[in-house]
């Protein structure tokens, strides 16, 4: 069985996008993937740490993970950042499972973040 990203409801995505200054258009199928930004991970993490609503925290966690994947494709993020992000992501096993690519048989089927996230 292949893993899927958790569903972020459109209204939640829009509210989170507005709060964090990212786009959220009706045509976006994979909102967190389309607005991921490796240069804003610290900012997204600050929003996550302040957010109290569970559905918003999930949306931000998915956005952070997509942004980390982008970062890993450029150069591994600093250990201090990963140490801050890791514990929060552990709260979302469906996010970790998706990015860990449990059904991958070759390196070409992995995301850039996969080796790191498998360690969670």
PDB file of N, CA and C in Angstrom:
ATOM      1  N   UNK A   1       0.848  -1.185   0.000  1.00  0.00           N
ATOM      2  CA  UNK A   1       0.000   0.000   0.000  1.00  0.00           C
ATOM      3  C   UNK A   1       0.887   1.240   0.000  1.00  0.00           C
ATOM      4  N   UNK A   2       0.597   2.136  -0.861  1.00  0.00           N
ATOM      5  CA  UNK A   2       1.435   3.323  -0.977  1.00  0.00           C
ATOM      6  C   UNK A   2       0.912   4.440  -0.068  1.00  0.00           C
ATOM      7  N   UNK A   3       1.842   5.188   0.501  1.00  0.00           N
ATOM      8  CA  UNK A   3       1.511   6.271   1.430  1.00  0.00           C
ATOM      9  C   UNK A   3       1.056   7.504   0.668  1.00  0.00           C
ATOM     10  N   UNK A   4       0.186   8.267   1.289  1.00  0.00           N
ATOM     11  CA  UNK A   4      -0.322   9.508   0.701  1.00  0.00           C
ATOM     12  C   UNK A   4      -0.133  10.647   1.688  1.00  0.00           C
ATOM     13  N   UNK A   5       0.045  11.846   1.136  1.00  0.00           N
ATOM     14  CA  UNK A   5       0.084  13.025   1.995  1.00  0.00           C
ATOM     15  C   UNK A   5      -1.258  13.171   2.682  1.00  0.00           C
ATOM     16  N   UNK A   6      -1.288  13.598   3.932  1.00  0.00           N
ATOM     17  CA  UNK A   6      -2.569  13.839   4.579  1.00  0.00           C
ATOM     18  C   UNK A   6      -3.308  14.971   3.874  1.00  0.00           C
ATOM     19  N   UNK A   7      -4.610  14.878   3.879  1.00  0.00           N
ATOM     20  CA  UNK A   7      -5.434  15.890   3.231  1.00  0.00           C
ATOM     21  C   UNK A   7      -5.459  17.153   4.085  1.00  0.00           C
ATOM     22  N   UNK A   8      -5.144  18.267   3.460  1.00  0.00           N
ATOM     23  CA  UNK A   8      -5.272  19.569   4.098  1.00  0.00           C
ATOM     24  C   UNK A   8      -6.489  20.218   3.446  1.00  0.00           C
ATOM     25  N   UNK A   9      -7.526  20.418   4.237  1.00  0.00           N
ATOM     26  CA  UNK A   9      -8.756  20.987   3.688  1.00  0.00           C
ATOM     27  C   UNK A   9      -8.504  22.387   3.139  1.00  0.00           C
ATOM     28  N   UNK A  10      -9.196  22.712   2.081  1.00  0.00           N
ATOM     29  CA  UNK A  10      -9.001  23.977   1.365  1.00  0.00           C
ATOM     30  C   UNK A  10      -9.129  25.181   2.302  1.00  0.00           C
ATOM     31  N   UNK A  11     -10.116  25.169   3.195  1.00  0.00           N
ATOM     32  CA  UNK A  11     -10.289  26.319   4.094  1.00  0.00           C
ATOM     33  C   UNK A  11      -9.111  26.452   5.059  1.00  0.00           C
ATOM     34  N   UNK A  12      -8.583  25.319   5.516  1.00  0.00           N
ATOM     35  CA  UNK A  12      -7.411  25.346   6.399  1.00  0.00           C
ATOM     36  C   UNK A  12      -6.196  25.846   5.635  1.00  0.00           C
ATOM     37  N   UNK A  13      -5.996  25.313   4.433  1.00  0.00           N
ATOM     38  CA  UNK A  13      -4.859  25.747   3.609  1.00  0.00           C
ATOM     39  C   UNK A  13      -4.927  27.246   3.365  1.00  0.00           C
ATOM     40  N   UNK A  14      -6.108  27.759   3.067  1.00  0.00           N
ATOM     41  CA  UNK A  14      -6.275  29.188   2.789  1.00  0.00           C
ATOM     42  C   UNK A  14      -5.952  30.019   4.035  1.00  0.00           C
ATOM     43  N   UNK A  15      -6.453  29.589   5.185  1.00  0.00           N
ATOM     44  CA  UNK A  15      -6.183  30.329   6.428  1.00  0.00           C
ATOM     45  C   UNK A  15      -4.693  30.324   6.762  1.00  0.00           C
ATOM     46  N   UNK A  16      -4.055  29.171   6.629  1.00  0.00           N
ATOM     47  CA  UNK A  16      -2.622  29.063   6.902  1.00  0.00           C
ATOM     48  C   UNK A  16      -1.831  29.882   5.886  1.00  0.00           C
ATOM     49  N   UNK A  17      -2.203  29.785   4.633  1.00  0.00           N
ATOM     50  CA  UNK A  17      -1.516  30.546   3.580  1.00  0.00           C
ATOM     51  C   UNK A  17      -1.600  32.042   3.843  1.00  0.00           C
ATOM     52  N   UNK A  18      -2.786  32.509   4.211  1.00  0.00           N
ATOM     53  CA  UNK A  18      -2.957  33.935   4.500  1.00  0.00           C
ATOM     54  C   UNK A  18      -2.085  34.362   5.685  1.00  0.00           C
ATOM     55  N   UNK A  19      -2.040  33.531   6.727  1.00  0.00           N
ATOM     56  CA  UNK A  19      -1.258  33.864   7.919  1.00  0.00           C
ATOM     57  C   UNK A  19       0.242  33.874   7.637  1.00  0.00           C
ATOM     58  N   UNK A  20       0.678  33.037   6.692  1.00  0.00           N
ATOM     59  CA  UNK A  20       2.109  32.910   6.434  1.00  0.00           C
ATOM     60  C   UNK A  20       2.558  33.602   5.153  1.00  0.00           C
ATOM     61  N   UNK A  21       1.634  34.222   4.455  1.00  0.00           N
ATOM     62  CA  UNK A  21       2.013  34.973   3.258  1.00  0.00           C
ATOM     63  C   UNK A  21       2.453  34.115   2.089  1.00  0.00           C
ATOM     64  N   UNK A  22       1.769  32.966   1.889  1.00  0.00           N
ATOM     65  CA  UNK A  22       2.019  32.141   0.709  1.00  0.00           C
ATOM     66  C   UNK A  22       0.719  32.041  -0.087  1.00  0.00           C
ATOM     67  N   UNK A  23       0.839  31.634  -1.326  1.00  0.00           N
ATOM     68  CA  UNK A  23      -0.340  31.516  -2.188  1.00  0.00           C
ATOM     69  C   UNK A  23      -1.176  30.300  -1.814  1.00  0.00           C
ATOM     70  N   UNK A  24      -2.442  30.389  -2.128  1.00  0.00           N
ATOM     71  CA  UNK A  24      -3.357  29.254  -2.028  1.00  0.00           C
ATOM     72  C   UNK A  24      -4.454  29.500  -3.052  1.00  0.00           C
ATOM     73  N   UNK A  25      -4.284  28.913  -4.215  1.00  0.00           N
ATOM     74  CA  UNK A  25      -5.216  29.113  -5.317  1.00  0.00           C
ATOM     75  C   UNK A  25      -6.133  27.900  -5.457  1.00  0.00           C
ATOM     76  N   UNK A  26      -7.362  28.097  -5.916  1.00  0.00           N
ATOM     77  CA  UNK A  26      -8.301  26.984  -6.059  1.00  0.00           C
ATOM     78  C   UNK A  26      -7.795  25.864  -6.983  1.00  0.00           C
ATOM     79  N   UNK A  27      -6.953  26.191  -7.940  1.00  0.00           N
ATOM     80  CA  UNK A  27      -6.471  25.187  -8.887  1.00  0.00           C
ATOM     81  C   UNK A  27      -5.318  24.345  -8.346  1.00  0.00           C
ATOM     82  N   UNK A  28      -4.778  24.719  -7.197  1.00  0.00           N
ATOM     83  CA  UNK A  28      -3.637  23.984  -6.638  1.00  0.00           C
ATOM     84  C   UNK A  28      -4.099  22.631  -6.096  1.00  0.00           C
ATOM     85  N   UNK A  29      -3.553  21.567  -6.654  1.00  0.00           N
ATOM     86  CA  UNK A  29      -3.914  20.225  -6.197  1.00  0.00           C
ATOM     87  C   UNK A  29      -3.104  19.807  -4.980  1.00  0.00           C
ATOM     88  N   UNK A  30      -1.832  20.138  -4.967  1.00  0.00           N
ATOM     89  CA  UNK A  30      -0.940  19.767  -3.871  1.00  0.00           C
ATOM     90  C   UNK A  30      -0.377  21.038  -3.256  1.00  0.00           C
ATOM     91  N   UNK A  31      -1.253  21.771  -2.590  1.00  0.00           N
ATOM     92  CA  UNK A  31      -0.909  23.089  -2.064  1.00  0.00           C
ATOM     93  C   UNK A  31       0.455  23.143  -1.371  1.00  0.00           C
ATOM     94  N   UNK A  32       0.748  22.279  -0.390  1.00  0.00           N
ATOM     95  CA  UNK A  32       2.036  22.435   0.304  1.00  0.00           C
ATOM     96  C   UNK A  32       3.232  22.219  -0.622  1.00  0.00           C
ATOM     97  N   UNK A  33       3.088  21.345  -1.590  1.00  0.00           N
ATOM     98  CA  UNK A  33       4.190  21.093  -2.522  1.00  0.00           C
ATOM     99  C   UNK A  33       4.398  22.277  -3.459  1.00  0.00           C
ATOM    100  N   UNK A  34       3.319  22.929  -3.814  1.00  0.00           N
ATOM    101  CA  UNK A  34       3.397  24.027  -4.774  1.00  0.00           C
ATOM    102  C   UNK A  34       3.905  25.326  -4.167  1.00  0.00           C
ATOM    103  N   UNK A  35       3.779  25.476  -2.851  1.00  0.00           N
ATOM    104  CA  UNK A  35       4.239  26.715  -2.211  1.00  0.00           C
ATOM    105  C   UNK A  35       5.443  26.495  -1.294  1.00  0.00           C
ATOM    106  N   UNK A  36       5.995  25.286  -1.307  1.00  0.00           N
ATOM    107  CA  UNK A  36       7.179  24.996  -0.495  1.00  0.00           C
ATOM    108  C   UNK A  36       8.272  26.013  -0.807  1.00  0.00           C
ATOM    109  N   UNK A  37       9.015  26.385   0.232  1.00  0.00           N
ATOM    110  CA  UNK A  37      10.062  27.387   0.067  1.00  0.00           C
ATOM    111  C   UNK A  37      11.190  27.084   1.057  1.00  0.00           C
ATOM    112  N   UNK A  38      12.280  26.558   0.531  1.00  0.00           N
ATOM    113  CA  UNK A  38      13.392  26.167   1.400  1.00  0.00           C
ATOM    114  C   UNK A  38      14.001  27.355   2.150  1.00  0.00           C
ATOM    115  N   UNK A  39      13.823  28.540   1.645  1.00  0.00           N
ATOM    116  CA  UNK A  39      14.362  29.726   2.293  1.00  0.00           C
ATOM    117  C   UNK A  39      13.515  30.242   3.447  1.00  0.00           C
ATOM    118  N   UNK A  40      12.327  29.652   3.645  1.00  0.00           N
ATOM    119  CA  UNK A  40      11.421  30.143   4.681  1.00  0.00           C
ATOM    120  C   UNK A  40      11.124  29.106   5.771  1.00  0.00           C
ATOM    121  N   UNK A  41      11.910  28.041   5.833  1.00  0.00           N
ATOM    122  CA  UNK A  41      11.628  26.971   6.795  1.00  0.00           C
ATOM    123  C   UNK A  41      11.601  27.488   8.224  1.00  0.00           C
ATOM    124  N   UNK A  42      12.567  28.314   8.596  1.00  0.00           N
ATOM    125  CA  UNK A  42      12.607  28.854   9.974  1.00  0.00           C
ATOM    126  C   UNK A  42      11.332  29.652  10.265  1.00  0.00           C
ATOM    127  N   UNK A  43      10.902  30.436   9.308  1.00  0.00           N
ATOM    128  CA  UNK A  43       9.679  31.222   9.464  1.00  0.00           C
ATOM    129  C   UNK A  43       8.462  30.310   9.611  1.00  0.00           C
ATOM    130  N   UNK A  44       8.369  29.282   8.763  1.00  0.00           N
ATOM    131  CA  UNK A  44       7.256  28.336   8.857  1.00  0.00           C
ATOM    132  C   UNK A  44       7.276  27.624  10.202  1.00  0.00           C
ATOM    133  N   UNK A  45       8.465  27.275  10.661  1.00  0.00           N
ATOM    134  CA  UNK A  45       8.602  26.596  11.944  1.00  0.00           C
ATOM    135  C   UNK A  45       8.141  27.502  13.090  1.00  0.00           C
ATOM    136  N   UNK A  46       8.451  28.777  13.015  1.00  0.00           N
ATOM    137  CA  UNK A  46       7.995  29.726  14.040  1.00  0.00           C
ATOM    138  C   UNK A  46       6.466  29.775  14.074  1.00  0.00           C
ATOM    139  N   UNK A  47       5.822  29.765  12.911  1.00  0.00           N
ATOM    140  CA  UNK A  47       4.354  29.724  12.857  1.00  0.00           C
ATOM    141  C   UNK A  47       3.834  28.427  13.477  1.00  0.00           C
ATOM    142  N   UNK A  48       4.472  27.319  13.135  1.00  0.00           N
ATOM    143  CA  UNK A  48       4.064  26.015  13.668  1.00  0.00           C
ATOM    144  C   UNK A  48       4.138  26.014  15.194  1.00  0.00           C
ATOM    145  N   UNK A  49       5.223  26.521  15.732  1.00  0.00           N
ATOM    146  CA  UNK A  49       5.429  26.503  17.177  1.00  0.00           C
ATOM    147  C   UNK A  49       4.421  27.370  17.929  1.00  0.00           C
ATOM    148  N   UNK A  50       3.885  28.399  17.282  1.00  0.00           N
ATOM    149  CA  UNK A  50       2.889  29.279  17.923  1.00  0.00           C
ATOM    150  C   UNK A  50       1.459  28.793  17.701  1.00  0.00           C
ATOM    151  N   UNK A  51       1.230  28.040  16.647  1.00  0.00           N
ATOM    152  CA  UNK A  51      -0.130  27.620  16.265  1.00  0.00           C
ATOM    153  C   UNK A  51      -0.697  26.622  17.262  1.00  0.00           C
ATOM    154  N   UNK A  52      -1.957  26.828  17.642  1.00  0.00           N
ATOM    155  CA  UNK A  52      -2.609  25.934  18.594  1.00  0.00           C
ATOM    156  C   UNK A  52      -3.646  25.026  17.952  1.00  0.00           C
ATOM    157  N   UNK A  53      -4.187  25.409  16.808  1.00  0.00           N
ATOM    158  CA  UNK A  53      -5.225  24.600  16.155  1.00  0.00           C
ATOM    159  C   UNK A  53      -4.588  23.393  15.463  1.00  0.00           C
ATOM    160  N   UNK A  54      -5.006  22.176  15.829  1.00  0.00           N
ATOM    161  CA  UNK A  54      -4.405  20.958  15.283  1.00  0.00           C
ATOM    162  C   UNK A  54      -4.411  20.882  13.752  1.00  0.00           C
ATOM    163  N   UNK A  55      -5.499  21.275  13.129  1.00  0.00           N
ATOM    164  CA  UNK A  55      -5.567  21.181  11.663  1.00  0.00           C
ATOM    165  C   UNK A  55      -4.613  22.177  10.997  1.00  0.00           C
ATOM    166  N   UNK A  56      -4.390  23.318  11.625  1.00  0.00           N
ATOM    167  CA  UNK A  56      -3.432  24.296  11.092  1.00  0.00           C
ATOM    168  C   UNK A  56      -1.998  23.806  11.314  1.00  0.00           C
ATOM    169  N   UNK A  57      -1.761  23.206  12.476  1.00  0.00           N
ATOM    170  CA  UNK A  57      -0.424  22.658  12.749  1.00  0.00           C
ATOM    171  C   UNK A  57      -0.070  21.574  11.721  1.00  0.00           C
ATOM    172  N   UNK A  58      -1.037  20.728  11.397  1.00  0.00           N
ATOM    173  CA  UNK A  58      -0.801  19.694  10.382  1.00  0.00           C
ATOM    174  C   UNK A  58      -0.456  20.329   9.041  1.00  0.00           C
ATOM    175  N   UNK A  59      -1.222  21.326   8.628  1.00  0.00           N
ATOM    176  CA  UNK A  59      -0.964  21.999   7.350  1.00  0.00           C
ATOM    177  C   UNK A  59       0.436  22.608   7.326  1.00  0.00           C
ATOM    178  N   UNK A  60       0.824  23.231   8.417  1.00  0.00           N
ATOM    179  CA  UNK A  60       2.155  23.841   8.487  1.00  0.00           C
ATOM    180  C   UNK A  60       3.234  22.757   8.496  1.00  0.00           C
ATOM    181  N   UNK A  61       3.000  21.654   9.193  1.00  0.00           N
ATOM    182  CA  UNK A  61       3.973  20.555   9.222  1.00  0.00           C
ATOM    183  C   UNK A  61       4.195  19.996   7.820  1.00  0.00           C
ATOM    184  N   UNK A  62       3.127  19.858   7.056  1.00  0.00           N
ATOM    185  CA  UNK A  62       3.254  19.360   5.686  1.00  0.00           C
ATOM    186  C   UNK A  62       4.026  20.370   4.832  1.00  0.00           C
ATOM    187  N   UNK A  63       3.743  21.647   5.022  1.00  0.00           N
ATOM    188  CA  UNK A  63       4.465  22.691   4.291  1.00  0.00           C
ATOM    189  C   UNK A  63       5.951  22.704   4.670  1.00  0.00           C
ATOM    190  N   UNK A  64       6.246  22.555   5.942  1.00  0.00           N
ATOM    191  CA  UNK A  64       7.641  22.507   6.389  1.00  0.00           C
ATOM    192  C   UNK A  64       8.356  21.319   5.751  1.00  0.00           C
ATOM    193  N   UNK A  65       7.704  20.166   5.734  1.00  0.00           N
ATOM    194  CA  UNK A  65       8.333  18.969   5.183  1.00  0.00           C
ATOM    195  C   UNK A  65       8.592  19.120   3.689  1.00  0.00           C
ATOM    196  N   UNK A  66       7.639  19.676   2.963  1.00  0.00           N
ATOM    197  CA  UNK A  66       7.838  19.912   1.529  1.00  0.00           C
ATOM    198  C   UNK A  66       8.985  20.907   1.313  1.00  0.00           C
ATOM    199  N   UNK A  67       9.065  21.897   2.167  1.00  0.00           N
ATOM    200  CA  UNK A  67      10.145  22.885   2.071  1.00  0.00           C
ATOM    201  C   UNK A  67      11.491  22.262   2.414  1.00  0.00           C
ATOM    202  N   UNK A  68      11.503  21.358   3.391  1.00  0.00           N
ATOM    203  CA  UNK A  68      12.737  20.646   3.721  1.00  0.00           C
ATOM    204  C   UNK A  68      13.188  19.769   2.559  1.00  0.00           C
ATOM    205  N   UNK A  69      12.236  19.139   1.885  1.00  0.00           N
ATOM    206  CA  UNK A  69      12.601  18.321   0.728  1.00  0.00           C
ATOM    207  C   UNK A  69      13.286  19.180  -0.327  1.00  0.00           C
ATOM    208  N   UNK A  70      12.735  20.360  -0.550  1.00  0.00           N
ATOM    209  CA  UNK A  70      13.354  21.300  -1.495  1.00  0.00           C
ATOM    210  C   UNK A  70      14.766  21.661  -1.023  1.00  0.00           C
ATOM    211  N   UNK A  71      14.903  21.906   0.282  1.00  0.00           N
ATOM    212  CA  UNK A  71      16.216  22.263   0.833  1.00  0.00           C
ATOM    213  C   UNK A  71      17.214  21.120   0.654  1.00  0.00           C
ATOM    214  N   UNK A  72      16.789  19.907   0.955  1.00  0.00           N
ATOM    215  CA  UNK A  72      17.684  18.758   0.805  1.00  0.00           C
ATOM    216  C   UNK A  72      18.120  18.559  -0.643  1.00  0.00           C
ATOM    217  N   UNK A  73      17.288  18.966  -1.581  1.00  0.00           N
ATOM    218  CA  UNK A  73      17.671  18.818  -2.996  1.00  0.00           C
ATOM    219  C   UNK A  73      18.762  19.819  -3.371  1.00  0.00           C
ATOM    220  N   UNK A  74      18.910  20.882  -2.583  1.00  0.00           N
ATOM    221  CA  UNK A  74      19.936  21.892  -2.838  1.00  0.00           C
ATOM    222  C   UNK A  74      21.185  21.614  -2.006  1.00  0.00           C
ATOM    223  N   UNK A  75      21.015  21.473  -0.713  1.00  0.00           N
ATOM    224  CA  UNK A  75      22.091  21.168   0.233  1.00  0.00           C
ATOM    225  C   UNK A  75      21.434  20.826   1.564  1.00  0.00           C
ATOM    226  N   UNK A  76      21.954  19.855   2.282  1.00  0.00           N
ATOM    227  CA  UNK A  76      21.318  19.487   3.554  1.00  0.00           C
ATOM    228  C   UNK A  76      21.208  20.683   4.499  1.00  0.00           C
ATOM    229  N   UNK A  77      20.033  20.857   5.116  1.00  0.00           N
ATOM    230  CA  UNK A  77      19.873  21.945   6.093  1.00  0.00           C
ATOM    231  C   UNK A  77      20.779  21.731   7.300  1.00  0.00           C
ATOM    232  N   UNK A  78      20.966  22.789   8.059  1.00  0.00           N
ATOM    233  CA  UNK A  78      21.811  22.712   9.255  1.00  0.00           C
ATOM    234  C   UNK A  78      21.191  21.771  10.277  1.00  0.00           C
ATOM    235  N   UNK A  79      22.045  21.077  11.003  1.00  0.00           N
ATOM    236  CA  UNK A  79      21.602  20.114  12.005  1.00  0.00           C
ATOM    237  C   UNK A  79      20.703  20.765  13.056  1.00  0.00           C
ATOM    238  N   UNK A  80      21.004  21.981  13.448  1.00  0.00           N
ATOM    239  CA  UNK A  80      20.192  22.665  14.464  1.00  0.00           C
ATOM    240  C   UNK A  80      18.742  22.819  13.999  1.00  0.00           C
ATOM    241  N   UNK A  81      18.550  23.131  12.739  1.00  0.00           N
ATOM    242  CA  UNK A  81      17.195  23.258  12.195  1.00  0.00           C
ATOM    243  C   UNK A  81      16.512  21.893  12.187  1.00  0.00           C
ATOM    244  N   UNK A  82      17.204  20.884  11.720  1.00  0.00           N
ATOM    245  CA  UNK A  82      16.631  19.538  11.682  1.00  0.00           C
ATOM    246  C   UNK A  82      16.284  19.041  13.072  1.00  0.00           C
ATOM    247  N   UNK A  83      17.114  19.386  14.051  1.00  0.00           N
ATOM    248  CA  UNK A  83      16.837  18.998  15.439  1.00  0.00           C
ATOM    249  C   UNK A  83      15.582  19.687  15.971  1.00  0.00           C
ATOM    250  N   UNK A  84      15.285  20.879  15.499  1.00  0.00           N
ATOM    251  CA  UNK A  84      14.053  21.582  15.902  1.00  0.00           C
ATOM    252  C   UNK A  84      12.836  21.001  15.209  1.00  0.00           C
ATOM    253  N   UNK A  85      12.983  20.642  13.935  1.00  0.00           N
ATOM    254  CA  UNK A  85      11.852  20.168  13.131  1.00  0.00           C
ATOM    255  C   UNK A  85      11.471  18.732  13.468  1.00  0.00           C
ATOM    256  N   UNK A  86      12.460  17.883  13.659  1.00  0.00           N
ATOM    257  CA  UNK A  86      12.228  16.451  13.842  1.00  0.00           C
ATOM    258  C   UNK A  86      11.171  16.077  14.865  1.00  0.00           C
ATOM    259  N   UNK A  87      11.258  16.578  16.100  1.00  0.00           N
ATOM    260  CA  UNK A  87      10.261  16.191  17.104  1.00  0.00           C
ATOM    261  C   UNK A  87       8.828  16.547  16.701  1.00  0.00           C
ATOM    262  N   UNK A  88       8.633  17.684  16.057  1.00  0.00           N
ATOM    263  CA  UNK A  88       7.291  18.066  15.616  1.00  0.00           C
ATOM    264  C   UNK A  88       6.759  17.140  14.544  1.00  0.00           C
ATOM    265  N   UNK A  89       7.619  16.743  13.628  1.00  0.00           N
ATOM    266  CA  UNK A  89       7.175  15.866  12.550  1.00  0.00           C
ATOM    267  C   UNK A  89       6.801  14.479  13.055  1.00  0.00           C
ATOM    268  N   UNK A  90       7.430  14.043  14.130  1.00  0.00           N
ATOM    269  CA  UNK A  90       7.103  12.731  14.696  1.00  0.00           C
ATOM    270  C   UNK A  90       5.645  12.650  15.132  1.00  0.00           C
ATOM    271  N   UNK A  91       5.020  13.790  15.367  1.00  0.00           N
ATOM    272  CA  UNK A  91       3.613  13.822  15.759  1.00  0.00           C
ATOM    273  C   UNK A  91       2.683  13.506  14.587  1.00  0.00           C
ATOM    274  N   UNK A  92       3.245  13.425  13.377  1.00  0.00           N
ATOM    275  CA  UNK A  92       2.446  13.197  12.169  1.00  0.00           C
ATOM    276  C   UNK A  92       2.983  11.989  11.416  1.00  0.00           C
ATOM    277  N   UNK A  93       2.690  10.781  11.907  1.00  0.00           N
ATOM    278  CA  UNK A  93       3.245   9.587  11.275  1.00  0.00           C
ATOM    279  C   UNK A  93       2.872   9.447   9.797  1.00  0.00           C
ATOM    280  N   UNK A  94       1.715   9.957   9.410  1.00  0.00           N
ATOM    281  CA  UNK A  94       1.320   9.860   8.003  1.00  0.00           C
ATOM    282  C   UNK A  94       2.200  10.741   7.119  1.00  0.00           C
ATOM    283  N   UNK A  95       2.678  11.852   7.650  1.00  0.00           N
ATOM    284  CA  UNK A  95       3.598  12.726   6.911  1.00  0.00           C
ATOM    285  C   UNK A  95       4.956  12.033   6.790  1.00  0.00           C
ATOM    286  N   UNK A  96       5.445  11.507   7.905  1.00  0.00           N
ATOM    287  CA  UNK A  96       6.732  10.813   7.901  1.00  0.00           C
ATOM    288  C   UNK A  96       6.686   9.615   6.960  1.00  0.00           C
ATOM    289  N   UNK A  97       5.604   8.855   7.013  1.00  0.00           N
ATOM    290  CA  UNK A  97       5.489   7.677   6.144  1.00  0.00           C
ATOM    291  C   UNK A  97       5.511   8.064   4.672  1.00  0.00           C
ATOM    292  N   UNK A  98       4.761   9.093   4.303  1.00  0.00           N
ATOM    293  CA  UNK A  98       4.723   9.522   2.901  1.00  0.00           C
ATOM    294  C   UNK A  98       6.128   9.859   2.397  1.00  0.00           C
ATOM    295  N   UNK A  99       6.834  10.718   3.135  1.00  0.00           N
ATOM    296  CA  UNK A  99       8.146  11.185   2.690  1.00  0.00           C
ATOM    297  C   UNK A  99       9.225  10.123   2.842  1.00  0.00           C
ATOM    298  N   UNK A 100       8.981   9.078   3.644  1.00  0.00           N
ATOM    299  CA  UNK A 100       9.970   8.018   3.788  1.00  0.00           C
ATOM    300  C   UNK A 100       9.910   7.011   2.636  1.00  0.00           C
ATOM    301  N   UNK A 101       8.887   7.111   1.797  1.00  0.00           N
ATOM    302  CA  UNK A 101       8.757   6.262   0.600  1.00  0.00           C
ATOM    303  C   UNK A 101       8.868   4.777   0.941  1.00  0.00           C
ATOM    304  N   UNK A 102       7.960   4.259   1.745  1.00  0.00           N
ATOM    305  CA  UNK A 102       8.075   2.865   2.179  1.00  0.00           C
ATOM    306  C   UNK A 102       8.012   1.850   1.036  1.00  0.00           C
ATOM    307  N   UNK A 103       7.403   2.204  -0.073  1.00  0.00           N
ATOM    308  CA  UNK A 103       7.278   1.268  -1.197  1.00  0.00           C
ATOM    309  C   UNK A 103       8.368   1.430  -2.248  1.00  0.00           C
ATOM    310  N   UNK A 104       9.330   2.318  -1.995  1.00  0.00           N
ATOM    311  CA  UNK A 104      10.385   2.568  -2.987  1.00  0.00           C
ATOM    312  C   UNK A 104      11.316   1.367  -3.103  1.00  0.00           C
ATOM    313  N   UNK A 105      11.653   1.050  -4.339  1.00  0.00           N
ATOM    314  CA  UNK A 105      12.563  -0.064  -4.607  1.00  0.00           C
ATOM    315  C   UNK A 105      13.915   0.404  -5.127  1.00  0.00           C
ATOM    316  N   UNK A 106      13.976   1.648  -5.574  1.00  0.00           N
ATOM    317  CA  UNK A 106      15.226   2.186  -6.112  1.00  0.00           C
ATOM    318  C   UNK A 106      15.432   3.603  -5.583  1.00  0.00           C
ATOM    319  N   UNK A 107      16.665   4.083  -5.647  1.00  0.00           N
ATOM    320  CA  UNK A 107      16.969   5.442  -5.204  1.00  0.00           C
ATOM    321  C   UNK A 107      16.211   6.484  -6.014  1.00  0.00           C
ATOM    322  N   UNK A 108      15.902   6.183  -7.257  1.00  0.00           N
ATOM    323  CA  UNK A 108      15.184   7.133  -8.119  1.00  0.00           C
ATOM    324  C   UNK A 108      13.751   7.369  -7.631  1.00  0.00           C
ATOM    325  N   UNK A 109      13.247   6.486  -6.799  1.00  0.00           N
ATOM    326  CA  UNK A 109      11.882   6.612  -6.286  1.00  0.00           C
ATOM    327  C   UNK A 109      11.830   7.358  -4.955  1.00  0.00           C
ATOM    328  N   UNK A 110      12.972   7.822  -4.493  1.00  0.00           N
ATOM    329  CA  UNK A 110      13.039   8.521  -3.209  1.00  0.00           C
ATOM    330  C   UNK A 110      12.994  10.030  -3.397  1.00  0.00           C
ATOM    331  N   UNK A 111      12.520  10.718  -2.365  1.00  0.00           N
ATOM    332  CA  UNK A 111      12.608  12.168  -2.310  1.00  0.00           C
ATOM    333  C   UNK A 111      13.984  12.536  -1.770  1.00  0.00           C
ATOM    334  N   UNK A 112      14.376  13.764  -1.939  1.00  0.00           N
ATOM    335  CA  UNK A 112      15.658  14.224  -1.402  1.00  0.00           C
ATOM    336  C   UNK A 112      15.689  14.115   0.127  1.00  0.00           C
ATOM    337  N   UNK A 113      14.559  14.295   0.769  1.00  0.00           N
ATOM    338  CA  UNK A 113      14.458  14.267   2.228  1.00  0.00           C
ATOM    339  C   UNK A 113      14.382  12.848   2.798  1.00  0.00           C
ATOM    340  N   UNK A 114      14.116  11.860   1.960  1.00  0.00           N
ATOM    341  CA  UNK A 114      13.833  10.503   2.423  1.00  0.00           C
ATOM    342  C   UNK A 114      14.894   9.917   3.360  1.00  0.00           C
ATOM    343  N   UNK A 115      16.175   9.969   3.033  1.00  0.00           N
ATOM    344  CA  UNK A 115      17.147   9.365   3.967  1.00  0.00           C
ATOM    345  C   UNK A 115      17.078   9.980   5.367  1.00  0.00           C
ATOM    346  N   UNK A 116      16.907  11.291   5.461  1.00  0.00           N
ATOM    347  CA  UNK A 116      16.827  11.932   6.770  1.00  0.00           C
ATOM    348  C   UNK A 116      15.546  11.556   7.496  1.00  0.00           C
ATOM    349  N   UNK A 117      14.424  11.625   6.796  1.00  0.00           N
ATOM    350  CA  UNK A 117      13.128  11.400   7.471  1.00  0.00           C
ATOM    351  C   UNK A 117      12.953   9.949   7.890  1.00  0.00           C
ATOM    352  N   UNK A 118      13.617   9.039   7.202  1.00  0.00           N
ATOM    353  CA  UNK A 118      13.560   7.639   7.625  1.00  0.00           C
ATOM    354  C   UNK A 118      14.190   7.460   8.999  1.00  0.00           C
ATOM    355  N   UNK A 119      15.088   8.333   9.367  1.00  0.00           N
ATOM    356  CA  UNK A 119      15.725   8.284  10.681  1.00  0.00           C
ATOM    357  C   UNK A 119      14.824   8.728  11.818  1.00  0.00           C
ATOM    358  N   UNK A 120      13.696   9.333  11.474  1.00  0.00           N
ATOM    359  CA  UNK A 120      12.765   9.761  12.526  1.00  0.00           C
ATOM    360  C   UNK A 120      12.029   8.554  13.069  1.00  0.00           C
TER     361      UNK A 120
END
